[in-house]
């Protein structure tokens, strides 16, 4: 089992060290994750976690886009078009 864990960890290191700057980067990581599951080097549970976190990233990006669209359509001039982080309380 330890050798399987090392195999999985070494496979995920390349994926985990990738920076996500845009949707293309996110697609690349998701594709690598799928390939890792198919090859048996990434556990399905780890892939599921990556997919879930990716969904959260996309939801956050969608909120940013909605915020910018709302401000543009409302005619308000805002210096910084990036919203402040939302407080989730």
Foldseek 3Di string as FASTA:
>chain_A
DVVLVVLLVVLCVVLVPQDDDDVVNLVVSLVSLVVCVVVSSHDVVVSVVSVVVVVVVVVVVVVLVVQLVVCVVVVHDDPDSGDDDDDDD
